[in-house]
């Protein structure tokens, strides 16, 4: 469940329509970063680049109320810092599972606000 207070404050600060646009941009940004993580799992690659993607996802998710997604990204970032490949793999898989669900919950909340407006 997303942090409703953050989302309500966003709507209060900028209005519902601009908030919807921001959430759409947020979803696209998250999707691109999740694609990077998925590709890393399939082909390997630079762990520092993966760590940077996880760090950015952590901040994005936290900013838009996707707390569970932020925690999953933080766990992946920490695994990358530790350099344990099996832990990186496990945390990357967890992030790919948790983050989309949490981001969808954020979008659903905003859509519900729109439907009730």
N, C-alpha and C. Protein backbone atom coordinates (compact mmCIF):
# COMPACT_ATOMS: atom_id res chain seq x y z
N UNK A 1 0.84 -1.18 0.00
CA UNK A 1 0.00 0.00 0.00
C UNK A 1 0.88 1.25 0.00
N UNK A 2 0.60 2.17 -0.88
CA UNK A 2 1.43 3.37 -0.96
C UNK A 2 1.21 4.30 0.23
N UNK A 3 2.12 5.21 0.40
CA UNK A 3 1.99 6.23 1.43
C UNK A 3 0.98 7.26 0.93
N UNK A 4 -0.22 7.13 1.40
CA UNK A 4 -1.33 7.98 0.95
C UNK A 4 -1.08 9.45 1.27
N UNK A 5 -0.46 9.71 2.41
CA UNK A 5 -0.20 11.11 2.80
C UNK A 5 0.67 11.83 1.77
N UNK A 6 1.67 11.16 1.27
CA UNK A 6 2.54 11.76 0.25
C UNK A 6 1.73 12.08 -1.00
N UNK A 7 0.91 11.13 -1.42
CA UNK A 7 0.12 11.33 -2.64
C UNK A 7 -0.95 12.41 -2.46
N UNK A 8 -1.58 12.44 -1.30
CA UNK A 8 -2.56 13.48 -1.04
C UNK A 8 -1.90 14.86 -1.03
N UNK A 9 -0.71 14.93 -0.46
CA UNK A 9 0.01 16.20 -0.43
C UNK A 9 0.40 16.63 -1.84
N UNK A 10 0.81 15.68 -2.67
CA UNK A 10 1.14 15.98 -4.06
C UNK A 10 -0.07 16.59 -4.77
N UNK A 11 -1.23 15.96 -4.60
CA UNK A 11 -2.46 16.46 -5.23
C UNK A 11 -2.80 17.85 -4.69
N UNK A 12 -2.67 18.02 -3.40
CA UNK A 12 -2.96 19.32 -2.78
C UNK A 12 -2.03 20.41 -3.32
N UNK A 13 -0.75 20.06 -3.47
CA UNK A 13 0.25 21.05 -3.88
C UNK A 13 0.13 21.46 -5.35
N UNK A 14 -0.14 20.48 -6.23
CA UNK A 14 -0.09 20.81 -7.66
C UNK A 14 -1.40 20.56 -8.40
N UNK A 15 -2.34 19.91 -7.76
CA UNK A 15 -3.61 19.60 -8.41
C UNK A 15 -3.62 18.18 -8.94
N UNK A 16 -4.81 17.67 -9.18
CA UNK A 16 -4.98 16.27 -9.58
C UNK A 16 -4.42 15.99 -10.98
N UNK A 17 -4.75 16.82 -11.95
CA UNK A 17 -4.29 16.56 -13.32
C UNK A 17 -2.76 16.58 -13.43
N UNK A 18 -2.08 17.59 -12.88
CA UNK A 18 -0.61 17.55 -12.92
C UNK A 18 -0.04 16.36 -12.14
N UNK A 19 -0.70 15.98 -11.06
CA UNK A 19 -0.24 14.82 -10.29
C UNK A 19 -0.33 13.55 -11.13
N UNK A 20 -1.42 13.42 -11.89
CA UNK A 20 -1.57 12.26 -12.78
C UNK A 20 -0.44 12.23 -13.80
N UNK A 21 -0.11 13.37 -14.36
CA UNK A 21 0.97 13.43 -15.35
C UNK A 21 2.30 13.03 -14.72
N UNK A 22 2.55 13.53 -13.51
CA UNK A 22 3.79 13.16 -12.83
C UNK A 22 3.85 11.66 -12.54
N UNK A 23 2.73 11.09 -12.12
CA UNK A 23 2.70 9.66 -11.84
C UNK A 23 2.94 8.86 -13.11
N UNK A 24 2.40 9.31 -14.23
CA UNK A 24 2.66 8.64 -15.52
C UNK A 24 4.15 8.69 -15.85
N UNK A 25 4.77 9.84 -15.64
CA UNK A 25 6.22 9.97 -15.89
C UNK A 25 7.00 9.08 -14.92
N UNK A 26 6.57 9.04 -13.68
CA UNK A 26 7.18 8.19 -12.66
C UNK A 26 7.14 6.73 -13.09
N UNK A 27 5.96 6.28 -13.56
CA UNK A 27 5.82 4.89 -14.00
C UNK A 27 6.77 4.58 -15.16
N UNK A 28 6.87 5.48 -16.12
CA UNK A 28 7.76 5.25 -17.27
C UNK A 28 9.21 5.18 -16.83
N UNK A 29 9.60 6.08 -15.94
CA UNK A 29 10.97 6.09 -15.44
C UNK A 29 11.28 4.80 -14.70
N UNK A 30 10.36 4.38 -13.85
CA UNK A 30 10.55 3.14 -13.10
C UNK A 30 10.65 1.96 -14.06
N UNK A 31 9.78 1.91 -15.06
CA UNK A 31 9.80 0.80 -16.03
C UNK A 31 11.15 0.70 -16.73
N UNK A 32 11.71 1.83 -17.12
CA UNK A 32 13.02 1.83 -17.79
C UNK A 32 14.10 1.28 -16.86
N UNK A 33 14.04 1.65 -15.61
CA UNK A 33 15.05 1.19 -14.65
C UNK A 33 14.85 -0.29 -14.32
N UNK A 34 13.60 -0.73 -14.28
CA UNK A 34 13.35 -2.16 -14.06
C UNK A 34 13.82 -2.97 -15.26
N UNK A 35 13.67 -2.42 -16.47
CA UNK A 35 14.21 -3.10 -17.66
C UNK A 35 15.71 -3.28 -17.54
N UNK A 36 16.39 -2.28 -17.02
CA UNK A 36 17.85 -2.37 -16.82
C UNK A 36 18.17 -3.52 -15.86
N UNK A 37 17.42 -3.60 -14.76
CA UNK A 37 17.66 -4.66 -13.78
C UNK A 37 17.40 -6.02 -14.42
N UNK A 38 16.32 -6.13 -15.16
CA UNK A 38 16.00 -7.40 -15.84
C UNK A 38 17.13 -7.78 -16.81
N UNK A 39 17.59 -6.82 -17.57
CA UNK A 39 18.68 -7.10 -18.51
C UNK A 39 19.95 -7.52 -17.76
N UNK A 40 20.22 -6.88 -16.65
CA UNK A 40 21.39 -7.26 -15.85
C UNK A 40 21.29 -8.71 -15.39
N UNK A 41 20.10 -9.12 -15.00
CA UNK A 41 19.92 -10.51 -14.57
C UNK A 41 20.16 -11.49 -15.71
N UNK A 42 19.76 -11.10 -16.91
CA UNK A 42 19.91 -11.99 -18.07
C UNK A 42 21.33 -12.04 -18.60
N UNK A 43 22.01 -10.89 -18.60
CA UNK A 43 23.30 -10.82 -19.28
C UNK A 43 24.47 -10.47 -18.38
N UNK A 44 24.18 -10.10 -17.13
CA UNK A 44 25.25 -9.65 -16.26
C UNK A 44 25.62 -8.22 -16.60
N UNK A 45 26.73 -7.78 -16.11
CA UNK A 45 27.16 -6.43 -16.42
C UNK A 45 27.75 -5.74 -15.22
N UNK A 46 27.83 -4.45 -15.34
CA UNK A 46 28.47 -3.59 -14.36
C UNK A 46 27.61 -3.48 -13.10
N UNK A 47 28.13 -3.96 -11.98
CA UNK A 47 27.40 -3.91 -10.72
C UNK A 47 27.24 -2.47 -10.25
N UNK A 48 28.22 -1.61 -10.54
CA UNK A 48 28.09 -0.20 -10.15
C UNK A 48 26.91 0.44 -10.88
N UNK A 49 26.74 0.13 -12.15
CA UNK A 49 25.60 0.68 -12.89
C UNK A 49 24.28 0.16 -12.32
N UNK A 50 24.26 -1.10 -11.94
CA UNK A 50 23.06 -1.67 -11.31
C UNK A 50 22.79 -0.99 -9.98
N UNK A 51 23.83 -0.75 -9.21
CA UNK A 51 23.70 -0.05 -7.93
C UNK A 51 23.12 1.34 -8.14
N UNK A 52 23.61 2.04 -9.17
CA UNK A 52 23.11 3.39 -9.47
C UNK A 52 21.63 3.37 -9.83
N UNK A 53 21.22 2.37 -10.60
CA UNK A 53 19.80 2.24 -10.95
C UNK A 53 18.97 1.97 -9.70
N UNK A 54 19.46 1.11 -8.83
CA UNK A 54 18.75 0.80 -7.59
C UNK A 54 18.65 2.05 -6.71
N UNK A 55 19.73 2.81 -6.63
CA UNK A 55 19.73 4.04 -5.83
C UNK A 55 18.69 5.03 -6.35
N UNK A 56 18.64 5.18 -7.66
CA UNK A 56 17.66 6.10 -8.25
C UNK A 56 16.24 5.60 -8.03
N UNK A 57 16.02 4.31 -8.19
CA UNK A 57 14.70 3.73 -7.92
C UNK A 57 14.27 3.94 -6.47
N UNK A 58 15.22 3.81 -5.58
CA UNK A 58 14.92 4.02 -4.15
C UNK A 58 14.36 5.42 -3.93
N UNK A 59 15.01 6.41 -4.49
CA UNK A 59 14.56 7.78 -4.34
C UNK A 59 13.26 8.07 -5.05
N UNK A 60 13.13 7.56 -6.27
CA UNK A 60 11.89 7.75 -7.02
C UNK A 60 10.69 7.18 -6.27
N UNK A 61 10.82 5.95 -5.84
CA UNK A 61 9.72 5.29 -5.15
C UNK A 61 9.37 6.01 -3.86
N UNK A 62 10.36 6.41 -3.12
CA UNK A 62 10.11 7.11 -1.86
C UNK A 62 9.41 8.44 -2.11
N UNK A 63 9.83 9.14 -3.15
CA UNK A 63 9.24 10.45 -3.47
C UNK A 63 7.76 10.37 -3.82
N UNK A 64 7.35 9.25 -4.41
CA UNK A 64 5.98 9.10 -4.85
C UNK A 64 5.16 8.14 -3.98
N UNK A 65 5.64 7.87 -2.79
CA UNK A 65 4.86 7.10 -1.84
C UNK A 65 4.91 5.60 -1.99
N UNK A 66 5.78 5.09 -2.85
CA UNK A 66 5.89 3.64 -3.04
C UNK A 66 6.95 3.10 -2.07
N UNK A 67 6.57 3.05 -0.80
CA UNK A 67 7.53 2.72 0.26
C UNK A 67 8.11 1.31 0.13
N UNK A 68 7.27 0.34 -0.16
CA UNK A 68 7.78 -1.03 -0.30
C UNK A 68 8.74 -1.14 -1.48
N UNK A 69 8.43 -0.43 -2.57
CA UNK A 69 9.33 -0.40 -3.72
C UNK A 69 10.65 0.24 -3.36
N UNK A 70 10.59 1.31 -2.58
CA UNK A 70 11.81 1.98 -2.14
C UNK A 70 12.67 1.05 -1.29
N UNK A 71 12.02 0.30 -0.41
CA UNK A 71 12.77 -0.64 0.44
C UNK A 71 13.41 -1.75 -0.40
N UNK A 72 12.69 -2.24 -1.40
CA UNK A 72 13.25 -3.29 -2.27
C UNK A 72 14.45 -2.75 -3.05
N UNK A 73 14.34 -1.52 -3.53
CA UNK A 73 15.45 -0.90 -4.25
C UNK A 73 16.64 -0.67 -3.32
N UNK A 74 16.36 -0.27 -2.09
CA UNK A 74 17.43 -0.07 -1.09
C UNK A 74 18.15 -1.39 -0.82
N UNK A 75 17.39 -2.47 -0.69
CA UNK A 75 18.00 -3.78 -0.46
C UNK A 75 18.91 -4.17 -1.62
N UNK A 76 18.47 -3.89 -2.85
CA UNK A 76 19.30 -4.19 -4.02
C UNK A 76 20.55 -3.31 -4.02
N UNK A 77 20.40 -2.04 -3.71
CA UNK A 77 21.53 -1.14 -3.66
C UNK A 77 22.57 -1.64 -2.64
N UNK A 78 22.10 -2.04 -1.47
CA UNK A 78 23.01 -2.54 -0.43
C UNK A 78 23.69 -3.84 -0.86
N UNK A 79 22.96 -4.70 -1.55
CA UNK A 79 23.56 -5.95 -2.05
C UNK A 79 24.67 -5.63 -3.05
N UNK A 80 24.43 -4.65 -3.90
CA UNK A 80 25.46 -4.23 -4.86
C UNK A 80 26.67 -3.67 -4.14
N UNK A 81 26.44 -2.91 -3.08
CA UNK A 81 27.55 -2.37 -2.30
C UNK A 81 28.38 -3.49 -1.69
N UNK A 82 27.70 -4.56 -1.26
CA UNK A 82 28.40 -5.70 -0.65
C UNK A 82 29.14 -6.54 -1.68
N UNK A 83 28.64 -6.55 -2.91
CA UNK A 83 29.32 -7.27 -3.99
C UNK A 83 29.07 -8.77 -4.01
N UNK A 84 28.13 -9.26 -3.23
CA UNK A 84 27.81 -10.69 -3.19
C UNK A 84 26.84 -11.00 -4.33
N UNK A 85 27.33 -11.66 -5.36
CA UNK A 85 26.54 -11.88 -6.58
C UNK A 85 25.25 -12.64 -6.33
N UNK A 86 25.29 -13.65 -5.44
CA UNK A 86 24.05 -14.40 -5.18
C UNK A 86 23.03 -13.52 -4.46
N UNK A 87 23.49 -12.65 -3.58
CA UNK A 87 22.58 -11.73 -2.90
C UNK A 87 22.06 -10.68 -3.88
N UNK A 88 22.91 -10.22 -4.77
CA UNK A 88 22.48 -9.27 -5.80
C UNK A 88 21.37 -9.89 -6.64
N UNK A 89 21.57 -11.13 -7.05
CA UNK A 89 20.56 -11.83 -7.86
C UNK A 89 19.23 -11.93 -7.10
N UNK A 90 19.29 -12.31 -5.84
CA UNK A 90 18.08 -12.48 -5.05
C UNK A 90 17.36 -11.15 -4.85
N UNK A 91 18.11 -10.10 -4.56
CA UNK A 91 17.50 -8.79 -4.32
C UNK A 91 16.99 -8.18 -5.62
N UNK A 92 17.64 -8.47 -6.72
CA UNK A 92 17.17 -7.98 -8.03
C UNK A 92 15.84 -8.64 -8.38
N UNK A 93 15.76 -9.94 -8.17
CA UNK A 93 14.49 -10.64 -8.42
C UNK A 93 13.38 -10.10 -7.52
N UNK A 94 13.70 -9.86 -6.26
CA UNK A 94 12.71 -9.31 -5.33
C UNK A 94 12.25 -7.92 -5.79
N UNK A 95 13.20 -7.10 -6.21
CA UNK A 95 12.85 -5.75 -6.68
C UNK A 95 11.93 -5.82 -7.90
N UNK A 96 12.24 -6.73 -8.81
CA UNK A 96 11.41 -6.88 -10.01
C UNK A 96 9.99 -7.36 -9.68
N UNK A 97 9.84 -8.01 -8.56
CA UNK A 97 8.52 -8.47 -8.14
C UNK A 97 7.77 -7.39 -7.35
N UNK A 98 8.45 -6.75 -6.43
CA UNK A 98 7.80 -5.82 -5.50
C UNK A 98 7.53 -4.45 -6.10
N UNK A 99 8.51 -3.89 -6.79
CA UNK A 99 8.39 -2.51 -7.26
C UNK A 99 7.20 -2.31 -8.21
N UNK A 100 7.00 -3.16 -9.21
CA UNK A 100 5.85 -2.93 -10.10
C UNK A 100 4.50 -2.95 -9.36
N UNK A 101 4.38 -3.81 -8.37
CA UNK A 101 3.13 -3.89 -7.61
C UNK A 101 2.90 -2.60 -6.83
N UNK A 102 3.96 -2.10 -6.20
CA UNK A 102 3.84 -0.89 -5.40
C UNK A 102 3.57 0.33 -6.29
N UNK A 103 4.24 0.40 -7.44
CA UNK A 103 4.03 1.51 -8.37
C UNK A 103 2.60 1.48 -8.91
N UNK A 104 2.10 0.28 -9.20
CA UNK A 104 0.72 0.16 -9.67
C UNK A 104 -0.26 0.63 -8.60
N UNK A 105 0.04 0.36 -7.34
CA UNK A 105 -0.82 0.82 -6.25
C UNK A 105 -0.86 2.34 -6.18
N UNK A 106 0.29 2.98 -6.43
CA UNK A 106 0.34 4.44 -6.47
C UNK A 106 -0.55 4.96 -7.60
N UNK A 107 -0.39 4.39 -8.78
CA UNK A 107 -1.18 4.82 -9.94
C UNK A 107 -2.67 4.57 -9.72
N UNK A 108 -3.00 3.47 -9.09
CA UNK A 108 -4.40 3.15 -8.81
C UNK A 108 -5.00 4.16 -7.85
N UNK A 109 -4.24 4.56 -6.84
CA UNK A 109 -4.74 5.56 -5.91
C UNK A 109 -5.03 6.87 -6.63
N UNK A 110 -4.11 7.31 -7.47
CA UNK A 110 -4.30 8.57 -8.21
C UNK A 110 -5.51 8.44 -9.14
N UNK A 111 -5.65 7.30 -9.81
CA UNK A 111 -6.78 7.09 -10.71
C UNK A 111 -8.09 7.10 -9.94
N UNK A 112 -8.10 6.54 -8.75
CA UNK A 112 -9.29 6.54 -7.91
C UNK A 112 -9.66 7.96 -7.51
N UNK A 113 -8.65 8.76 -7.19
CA UNK A 113 -8.92 10.17 -6.86
C UNK A 113 -9.54 10.89 -8.05
N UNK A 114 -9.06 10.57 -9.23
CA UNK A 114 -9.58 11.18 -10.45
C UNK A 114 -11.03 10.77 -10.69
N UNK A 115 -11.31 9.51 -10.47
CA UNK A 115 -12.67 9.01 -10.69
C UNK A 115 -13.65 9.61 -9.69
N UNK A 116 -13.15 9.96 -8.53
CA UNK A 116 -14.01 10.53 -7.48
C UNK A 116 -14.06 12.04 -7.51
N UNK A 117 -13.30 12.65 -8.43
CA UNK A 117 -13.25 14.12 -8.47
C UNK A 117 -14.48 14.71 -9.13
